[in-house]
PDB file of all heavy atoms in Angstrom:
ATOM      1  N   GLY A   1      11.020   0.676  -4.147  1.00  0.00           N
ATOM      2  CA  GLY A   1      12.346   0.739  -3.574  1.00  0.00           C
ATOM      3  C   GLY A   1      12.483  -0.171  -2.372  1.00  0.00           C
ATOM      4  O   GLY A   1      11.545  -0.275  -1.569  1.00  0.00           O
ATOM      5  N   SER A   2      13.621  -0.825  -2.280  1.00  0.00           N
ATOM      6  CA  SER A   2      13.883  -1.737  -1.161  1.00  0.00           C
ATOM      7  C   SER A   2      15.162  -1.340  -0.443  1.00  0.00           C
ATOM      8  O   SER A   2      16.167  -1.049  -1.079  1.00  0.00           O
ATOM      9  CB  SER A   2      14.014  -3.165  -1.677  1.00  0.00           C
ATOM     10  OG  SER A   2      14.402  -4.039  -0.648  1.00  0.00           O
ATOM     11  N   SER A   3      15.104  -1.402   0.883  1.00  0.00           N
ATOM     12  CA  SER A   3      16.285  -1.108   1.700  1.00  0.00           C
ATOM     13  C   SER A   3      17.039  -2.401   1.996  1.00  0.00           C
ATOM     14  O   SER A   3      18.039  -2.376   2.710  1.00  0.00           O
ATOM     15  CB  SER A   3      15.878  -0.421   2.993  1.00  0.00           C
ATOM     16  OG  SER A   3      14.917  -1.221   3.699  1.00  0.00           O
ATOM     17  N   ARG A   4      16.580  -3.548   1.480  1.00  0.00           N
ATOM     18  CA  ARG A   4      17.190  -4.830   1.744  1.00  0.00           C
ATOM     19  C   ARG A   4      18.264  -5.138   0.750  1.00  0.00           C
ATOM     20  O   ARG A   4      18.255  -4.666  -0.371  1.00  0.00           O
ATOM     21  CB  ARG A   4      16.122  -5.907   1.759  1.00  0.00           C
ATOM     22  CG  ARG A   4      15.026  -5.691   2.806  1.00  0.00           C
ATOM     23  CD  ARG A   4      13.889  -6.658   2.632  1.00  0.00           C
ATOM     24  NE  ARG A   4      12.900  -6.532   3.678  1.00  0.00           N
ATOM     25  CZ  ARG A   4      11.958  -5.625   3.735  1.00  0.00           C
ATOM     26  NH1 ARG A   4      11.853  -4.737   2.747  1.00  0.00           N
ATOM     27  NH2 ARG A   4      11.093  -5.588   4.715  1.00  0.00           N
ATOM     28  N   ASN A   5      19.190  -5.995   1.115  1.00  0.00           N
ATOM     29  CA  ASN A   5      20.285  -6.366   0.230  1.00  0.00           C
ATOM     30  C   ASN A   5      20.271  -7.836  -0.157  1.00  0.00           C
ATOM     31  O   ASN A   5      21.139  -8.259  -0.911  1.00  0.00           O
ATOM     32  CB  ASN A   5      21.623  -6.026   0.907  1.00  0.00           C
ATOM     33  CG  ASN A   5      21.863  -4.541   0.975  1.00  0.00           C
ATOM     34  OD1 ASN A   5      21.610  -3.832   0.002  1.00  0.00           O
ATOM     35  ND2 ASN A   5      22.363  -4.051   2.080  1.00  0.00           N
ATOM     36  N   ASN A   6      19.325  -8.610   0.336  1.00  0.00           N
ATOM     37  CA  ASN A   6      19.243 -10.030  -0.092  1.00  0.00           C
ATOM     38  C   ASN A   6      18.493 -10.071  -1.416  1.00  0.00           C
ATOM     39  O   ASN A   6      17.348 -10.454  -1.505  1.00  0.00           O
ATOM     40  CB  ASN A   6      18.539 -10.860   0.987  1.00  0.00           C
ATOM     41  CG  ASN A   6      17.204 -10.307   1.411  1.00  0.00           C
ATOM     42  OD1 ASN A   6      16.969  -9.105   1.285  1.00  0.00           O
ATOM     43  ND2 ASN A   6      16.353 -11.178   1.934  1.00  0.00           N
ATOM     44  N   TYR A   7      19.175  -9.617  -2.447  1.00  0.00           N
ATOM     45  CA  TYR A   7      18.539  -9.343  -3.702  1.00  0.00           C
ATOM     46  C   TYR A   7      18.024 -10.577  -4.446  1.00  0.00           C
ATOM     47  O   TYR A   7      17.407 -10.469  -5.497  1.00  0.00           O
ATOM     48  CB  TYR A   7      19.468  -8.533  -4.635  1.00  0.00           C
ATOM     49  CG  TYR A   7      20.723  -9.238  -5.065  1.00  0.00           C
ATOM     50  CD1 TYR A   7      20.751  -9.949  -6.255  1.00  0.00           C
ATOM     51  CD2 TYR A   7      21.852  -9.224  -4.274  1.00  0.00           C
ATOM     52  CE1 TYR A   7      21.903 -10.599  -6.667  1.00  0.00           C
ATOM     53  CE2 TYR A   7      23.013  -9.855  -4.660  1.00  0.00           C
ATOM     54  CZ  TYR A   7      23.018 -10.560  -5.859  1.00  0.00           C
ATOM     55  OH  TYR A   7      24.168 -11.201  -6.259  1.00  0.00           O
ATOM     56  N   GLY A   8      18.249 -11.754  -3.864  1.00  0.00           N
ATOM     57  CA  GLY A   8      17.628 -12.953  -4.416  1.00  0.00           C
ATOM     58  C   GLY A   8      16.124 -12.914  -4.374  1.00  0.00           C
ATOM     59  O   GLY A   8      15.449 -13.646  -5.100  1.00  0.00           O
ATOM     60  N   LEU A   9      15.561 -12.022  -3.559  1.00  0.00           N
ATOM     61  CA  LEU A   9      14.130 -11.896  -3.420  1.00  0.00           C
ATOM     62  C   LEU A   9      13.580 -10.688  -4.207  1.00  0.00           C
ATOM     63  O   LEU A   9      12.447 -10.265  -3.975  1.00  0.00           O
ATOM     64  CB  LEU A   9      13.752 -11.752  -1.936  1.00  0.00           C
ATOM     65  CG  LEU A   9      14.166 -12.916  -1.037  1.00  0.00           C
ATOM     66  CD1 LEU A   9      13.825 -12.627   0.412  1.00  0.00           C
ATOM     67  CD2 LEU A   9      13.504 -14.216  -1.481  1.00  0.00           C
ATOM     68  N   ARG A  10      14.364 -10.181  -5.117  1.00  0.00           N
ATOM     69  CA  ARG A  10      14.040  -8.913  -5.762  1.00  0.00           C
ATOM     70  C   ARG A  10      12.768  -8.963  -6.616  1.00  0.00           C
ATOM     71  O   ARG A  10      12.237  -7.930  -6.947  1.00  0.00           O
ATOM     72  CB  ARG A  10      15.201  -8.459  -6.671  1.00  0.00           C
ATOM     73  CG  ARG A  10      15.530  -9.444  -7.772  1.00  0.00           C
ATOM     74  CD  ARG A  10      16.859  -9.098  -8.430  1.00  0.00           C
ATOM     75  NE  ARG A  10      17.191 -10.037  -9.455  1.00  0.00           N
ATOM     76  CZ  ARG A  10      17.854 -11.178  -9.257  1.00  0.00           C
ATOM     77  NH1 ARG A  10      18.170 -11.540  -8.002  1.00  0.00           N
ATOM     78  NH2 ARG A  10      18.161 -11.986 -10.246  1.00  0.00           N
ATOM     79  N   SER A  11      12.294 -10.121  -6.993  1.00  0.00           N
ATOM     80  CA  SER A  11      11.068 -10.218  -7.779  1.00  0.00           C
ATOM     81  C   SER A  11       9.813 -10.327  -6.911  1.00  0.00           C
ATOM     82  O   SER A  11       8.698 -10.399  -7.433  1.00  0.00           O
ATOM     83  CB  SER A  11      11.121 -11.406  -8.716  1.00  0.00           C
ATOM     84  OG  SER A  11      11.170 -12.610  -8.009  1.00  0.00           O
ATOM     85  N   SER A  12      10.012 -10.288  -5.613  1.00  0.00           N
ATOM     86  CA  SER A  12       8.877 -10.419  -4.659  1.00  0.00           C
ATOM     87  C   SER A  12       8.345  -9.091  -4.260  1.00  0.00           C
ATOM     88  O   SER A  12       9.137  -8.165  -3.899  1.00  0.00           O
ATOM     89  CB  SER A  12       9.347 -11.200  -3.459  1.00  0.00           C
ATOM     90  OG  SER A  12       8.350 -11.157  -2.431  1.00  0.00           O
ATOM     91  N   LEU A  13       7.055  -8.905  -4.262  1.00  0.00           N
ATOM     92  CA  LEU A  13       6.422  -7.666  -3.809  1.00  0.00           C
ATOM     93  C   LEU A  13       6.857  -7.304  -2.407  1.00  0.00           C
ATOM     94  O   LEU A  13       7.115  -6.100  -2.096  1.00  0.00           O
ATOM     95  CB  LEU A  13       4.915  -7.781  -3.841  1.00  0.00           C
ATOM     96  CG  LEU A  13       4.209  -7.865  -5.200  1.00  0.00           C
ATOM     97  CD1 LEU A  13       2.771  -8.273  -5.029  1.00  0.00           C
ATOM     98  CD2 LEU A  13       4.297  -6.514  -5.910  1.00  0.00           C
ATOM     99  N   ASN A  14       6.953  -8.281  -1.561  1.00  0.00           N
ATOM    100  CA  ASN A  14       7.188  -8.023  -0.135  1.00  0.00           C
ATOM    101  C   ASN A  14       8.636  -7.584   0.156  1.00  0.00           C
ATOM    102  O   ASN A  14       8.951  -7.157   1.266  1.00  0.00           O
ATOM    103  CB  ASN A  14       6.902  -9.280   0.667  1.00  0.00           C
ATOM    104  CG  ASN A  14       5.420  -9.620   0.667  1.00  0.00           C
ATOM    105  OD1 ASN A  14       4.595  -8.755   0.527  1.00  0.00           O
ATOM    106  ND2 ASN A  14       5.109 -10.908   0.782  1.00  0.00           N
ATOM    107  N   TRP A  15       9.493  -7.684  -0.855  1.00  0.00           N
ATOM    108  CA  TRP A  15      10.887  -7.254  -0.632  1.00  0.00           C
ATOM    109  C   TRP A  15      10.998  -5.737  -0.638  1.00  0.00           C
ATOM    110  O   TRP A  15      12.003  -5.180  -0.162  1.00  0.00           O
ATOM    111  CB  TRP A  15      11.742  -7.830  -1.758  1.00  0.00           C
ATOM    112  CG  TRP A  15      13.236  -7.751  -1.513  1.00  0.00           C
ATOM    113  CD1 TRP A  15      13.935  -8.346  -0.503  1.00  0.00           C
ATOM    114  CD2 TRP A  15      14.172  -7.089  -2.344  1.00  0.00           C
ATOM    115  NE1 TRP A  15      15.280  -8.064  -0.655  1.00  0.00           N
ATOM    116  CE2 TRP A  15      15.456  -7.309  -1.768  1.00  0.00           C
ATOM    117  CE3 TRP A  15      14.108  -6.326  -3.513  1.00  0.00           C
ATOM    118  CZ2 TRP A  15      16.644  -6.799  -2.320  1.00  0.00           C
ATOM    119  CZ3 TRP A  15      15.276  -5.815  -4.071  1.00  0.00           C
ATOM    120  CH2 TRP A  15      16.537  -6.036  -3.460  1.00  0.00           C
ATOM    121  N   TYR A  16       9.980  -5.047  -1.155  1.00  0.00           N
ATOM    122  CA  TYR A  16      10.037  -3.610  -1.335  1.00  0.00           C
ATOM    123  C   TYR A  16       9.282  -2.879  -0.236  1.00  0.00           C
ATOM    124  O   TYR A  16       8.234  -3.289   0.202  1.00  0.00           O
ATOM    125  CB  TYR A  16       9.444  -3.261  -2.724  1.00  0.00           C
ATOM    126  CG  TYR A  16      10.282  -3.835  -3.832  1.00  0.00           C
ATOM    127  CD1 TYR A  16      10.074  -5.105  -4.299  1.00  0.00           C
ATOM    128  CD2 TYR A  16      11.338  -3.084  -4.397  1.00  0.00           C
ATOM    129  CE1 TYR A  16      10.866  -5.654  -5.303  1.00  0.00           C
ATOM    130  CE2 TYR A  16      12.121  -3.613  -5.400  1.00  0.00           C
ATOM    131  CZ  TYR A  16      11.892  -4.888  -5.842  1.00  0.00           C
ATOM    132  OH  TYR A  16      12.692  -5.420  -6.836  1.00  0.00           O
ATOM    133  N   ASP A  17       9.895  -1.761   0.200  1.00  0.00           N
ATOM    134  CA  ASP A  17       9.342  -1.001   1.278  1.00  0.00           C
ATOM    135  C   ASP A  17       8.552   0.217   0.813  1.00  0.00           C
ATOM    136  O   ASP A  17       7.660   0.703   1.520  1.00  0.00           O
ATOM    137  CB  ASP A  17      10.495  -0.439   2.152  1.00  0.00           C
ATOM    138  CG  ASP A  17      11.444  -1.535   2.609  1.00  0.00           C
ATOM    139  OD1 ASP A  17      10.988  -2.419   3.383  1.00  0.00           O
ATOM    140  OD2 ASP A  17      12.625  -1.515   2.191  1.00  0.00           O
ATOM    141  N   TYR A  18       8.908   0.750  -0.344  1.00  0.00           N
ATOM    142  CA  TYR A  18       8.324   2.019  -0.797  1.00  0.00           C
ATOM    143  C   TYR A  18       7.800   1.804  -2.223  1.00  0.00           C
ATOM    144  O   TYR A  18       8.407   1.183  -3.064  1.00  0.00           O
ATOM    145  CB  TYR A  18       9.403   3.108  -0.787  1.00  0.00           C
ATOM    146  CG  TYR A  18      10.026   3.293   0.553  1.00  0.00           C
ATOM    147  CD1 TYR A  18      11.278   2.770   0.827  1.00  0.00           C
ATOM    148  CD2 TYR A  18       9.371   3.924   1.601  1.00  0.00           C
ATOM    149  CE1 TYR A  18      11.893   2.882   2.057  1.00  0.00           C
ATOM    150  CE2 TYR A  18       9.964   4.079   2.852  1.00  0.00           C
ATOM    151  CZ  TYR A  18      11.214   3.537   3.065  1.00  0.00           C
ATOM    152  OH  TYR A  18      11.779   3.663   4.311  1.00  0.00           O
ATOM    153  N   TRP A  19       6.668   2.452  -2.478  1.00  0.00           N
ATOM    154  CA  TRP A  19       5.993   2.352  -3.763  1.00  0.00           C
ATOM    155  C   TRP A  19       5.532   3.696  -4.262  1.00  0.00           C
ATOM    156  O   TRP A  19       5.138   4.536  -3.464  1.00  0.00           O
ATOM    157  CB  TRP A  19       4.771   1.441  -3.647  1.00  0.00           C
ATOM    158  CG  TRP A  19       5.121   0.011  -3.385  1.00  0.00           C
ATOM    159  CD1 TRP A  19       5.363  -0.544  -2.174  1.00  0.00           C
ATOM    160  CD2 TRP A  19       5.266  -1.026  -4.349  1.00  0.00           C
ATOM    161  NE1 TRP A  19       5.680  -1.892  -2.328  1.00  0.00           N
ATOM    162  CE2 TRP A  19       5.619  -2.212  -3.664  1.00  0.00           C
ATOM    163  CE3 TRP A  19       5.141  -1.079  -5.737  1.00  0.00           C
ATOM    164  CZ2 TRP A  19       5.821  -3.431  -4.317  1.00  0.00           C
ATOM    165  CZ3 TRP A  19       5.348  -2.277  -6.377  1.00  0.00           C
ATOM    166  CH2 TRP A  19       5.677  -3.432  -5.698  1.00  0.00           C
ATOM    167  N   GLY A  20       5.616   3.879  -5.553  1.00  0.00           N
ATOM    168  CA  GLY A  20       5.017   5.060  -6.168  1.00  0.00           C
ATOM    169  C   GLY A  20       3.533   4.826  -6.427  1.00  0.00           C
ATOM    170  O   GLY A  20       2.995   3.758  -6.129  1.00  0.00           O
ATOM    171  N   GLN A  21       2.890   5.844  -6.982  1.00  0.00           N
ATOM    172  CA  GLN A  21       1.462   5.789  -7.248  1.00  0.00           C
ATOM    173  C   GLN A  21       1.131   5.102  -8.584  1.00  0.00           C
ATOM    174  O   GLN A  21      -0.039   4.767  -8.830  1.00  0.00           O
ATOM    175  CB  GLN A  21       0.862   7.179  -7.229  1.00  0.00           C
ATOM    176  CG  GLN A  21       0.887   7.847  -5.849  1.00  0.00           C
ATOM    177  CD  GLN A  21       0.154   7.017  -4.847  1.00  0.00           C
ATOM    178  OE1 GLN A  21      -0.994   6.690  -4.995  1.00  0.00           O
ATOM    179  NE2 GLN A  21       0.853   6.653  -3.735  1.00  0.00           N
ATOM    180  N   GLY A  22       2.116   4.922  -9.402  1.00  0.00           N
ATOM    181  CA  GLY A  22       1.900   4.231 -10.676  1.00  0.00           C
ATOM    182  C   GLY A  22       1.662   5.193 -11.836  1.00  0.00           C
ATOM    183  O   GLY A  22       1.232   6.316 -11.663  1.00  0.00           O
ATOM    184  N   THR A  23       1.965   4.681 -13.013  1.00  0.00           N
ATOM    185  CA  THR A  23       1.729   5.411 -14.255  1.00  0.00           C
ATOM    186  C   THR A  23       1.083   4.448 -15.264  1.00  0.00           C
ATOM    187  O   THR A  23       1.512   3.311 -15.390  1.00  0.00           O
ATOM    188  CB  THR A  23       3.013   6.057 -14.821  1.00  0.00           C
ATOM    189  OG1 THR A  23       2.687   6.849 -15.946  1.00  0.00           O
ATOM    190  CG2 THR A  23       4.057   5.020 -15.193  1.00  0.00           C
ATOM    191  N   GLN A  24       0.041   4.917 -15.938  1.00  0.00           N
ATOM    192  CA  GLN A  24      -0.700   4.052 -16.840  1.00  0.00           C
ATOM    193  C   GLN A  24      -0.055   3.909 -18.183  1.00  0.00           C
ATOM    194  O   GLN A  24       0.325   4.934 -18.789  1.00  0.00           O
ATOM    195  CB  GLN A  24      -2.144   4.596 -17.033  1.00  0.00           C
ATOM    196  CG  GLN A  24      -2.975   3.810 -18.007  1.00  0.00           C
ATOM    197  CD  GLN A  24      -3.422   2.468 -17.480  1.00  0.00           C
ATOM    198  OE1 GLN A  24      -3.994   2.388 -16.400  1.00  0.00           O
ATOM    199  NE2 GLN A  24      -3.131   1.406 -18.217  1.00  0.00           N
ATOM    200  N   VAL A  25       0.082   2.707 -18.660  1.00  0.00           N
ATOM    201  CA  VAL A  25       0.577   2.415 -20.020  1.00  0.00           C
ATOM    202  C   VAL A  25      -0.543   1.668 -20.740  1.00  0.00           C
ATOM    203  O   VAL A  25      -1.039   0.661 -20.227  1.00  0.00           O
ATOM    204  CB  VAL A  25       1.879   1.579 -19.983  1.00  0.00           C
ATOM    205  CG1 VAL A  25       2.232   1.096 -21.369  1.00  0.00           C
ATOM    206  CG2 VAL A  25       3.014   2.410 -19.359  1.00  0.00           C
TER     207      VAL A  25
END
């Protein structure tokens, strides 16, 4: 999840502030 609105960077890891623990596929 990202609190930022410059969504041109949406594919960048650093744009996101919060992360889940992940689910295995």
